Amino acid sequence: MTTRYLSISEVSERLGVTRANIHRRADLPEPDAVIGTVRGWKAETVDEWWANANHSPGRLPREVEEARRNKTR
């Protein structure tokens, strides 16, 4: 099975923030993969980091928010 890694653009889209905001974050986790100069993160790495990051409260990745909404239905 192939492991899927998120690019910086996909990370910013997943979190609903701009790429510039992602690049400004000093606490961005180490990438799970590096190919040349391209960094990649597993979705789980991004979600865990965002859930524990020092940012505005109440903002979770879109997929996490949707999953929580779907559980309560």
Protein backbone atom coordinates (compact mmCIF):
# COMPACT_ATOMS: atom_id res chain seq x y z
CA MET A 1 0.00 0.00 0.00
CA THR A 2 1.24 3.48 -0.88
CA THR A 3 1.51 6.06 1.90
CA ARG A 4 -0.05 9.42 1.05
CA TYR A 5 1.79 12.57 2.12
CA LEU A 6 0.41 16.11 2.09
CA SER A 7 2.30 18.96 0.46
CA ILE A 8 2.50 22.35 2.13
CA SER A 9 -0.36 23.52 -0.13
CA GLU A 10 -2.48 20.55 0.93
CA VAL A 11 -1.66 21.16 4.59
CA SER A 12 -2.79 24.78 4.32
CA GLU A 13 -5.98 23.75 2.51
CA ARG A 14 -6.71 21.04 5.10
CA LEU A 15 -6.35 23.55 7.94
CA GLY A 16 -8.15 26.38 6.20
CA VAL A 17 -5.22 28.80 6.43
CA THR A 18 -2.94 30.36 3.84
CA ARG A 19 0.36 28.85 2.77
CA ALA A 20 2.06 31.99 4.05
CA ASN A 21 0.64 31.36 7.52
CA ILE A 22 1.90 27.78 7.45
CA HIS A 23 5.38 28.96 6.40
CA ARG A 24 5.46 31.50 9.26
CA ARG A 25 4.87 28.81 11.89
CA ALA A 26 8.09 27.97 13.70
CA ASP A 27 6.43 24.97 15.35
CA LEU A 28 5.52 23.14 12.13
CA PRO A 29 6.30 19.46 12.74
CA GLU A 30 9.17 17.74 11.03
CA PRO A 31 8.00 16.29 7.72
CA ASP A 32 7.27 12.57 7.58
CA ALA A 33 9.01 12.40 4.19
CA VAL A 34 11.44 14.51 2.19
CA ILE A 35 12.06 13.96 -1.49
CA GLY A 36 14.68 16.37 -2.76
CA THR A 37 13.50 19.71 -1.40
CA VAL A 38 9.82 18.70 -1.21
CA ARG A 39 8.45 18.01 2.27
CA GLY A 40 5.46 15.79 3.00
CA TRP A 41 3.32 15.13 6.07
CA LYS A 42 0.89 12.36 6.90
CA ALA A 43 -2.63 13.62 7.59
CA GLU A 44 -2.41 12.20 11.13
CA THR A 45 0.76 14.20 11.80
CA VAL A 46 -0.90 17.43 10.66
CA ASP A 47 -4.10 16.78 12.63
CA GLU A 48 -2.25 15.96 15.84
CA TRP A 49 0.03 18.97 15.51
CA TRP A 50 -2.89 21.33 14.79
CA ALA A 51 -4.93 19.98 17.69
CA ASN A 52 -2.02 20.71 20.05
CA ALA A 53 -0.68 23.87 18.37
CA ASN A 54 -0.77 27.31 19.92
CA HIS A 55 -3.34 28.98 17.67
CA SER A 56 -6.75 30.52 17.84
CA PRO A 57 -9.03 28.17 19.77
CA GLY A 58 -11.88 26.34 18.11
CA ARG A 59 -10.25 25.77 14.75
CA LEU A 60 -9.70 22.17 13.71
CA PRO A 61 -8.92 20.76 10.28
CA ARG A 62 -12.00 20.69 8.06
CA GLU A 63 -12.03 16.89 7.81
CA VAL A 64 -11.86 16.57 11.60
CA GLU A 65 -14.73 19.04 12.06
CA GLU A 66 -16.81 17.18 9.47
CA ALA A 67 -16.09 13.80 11.09
CA ARG A 68 -17.17 15.15 14.48
CA ARG A 69 -20.36 16.59 12.99
CA ASN A 70 -21.15 13.29 11.26
CA LYS A 71 -20.66 11.34 14.52
CA THR A 72 -23.30 13.42 16.29
CA ARG A 73 -25.90 12.87 13.56
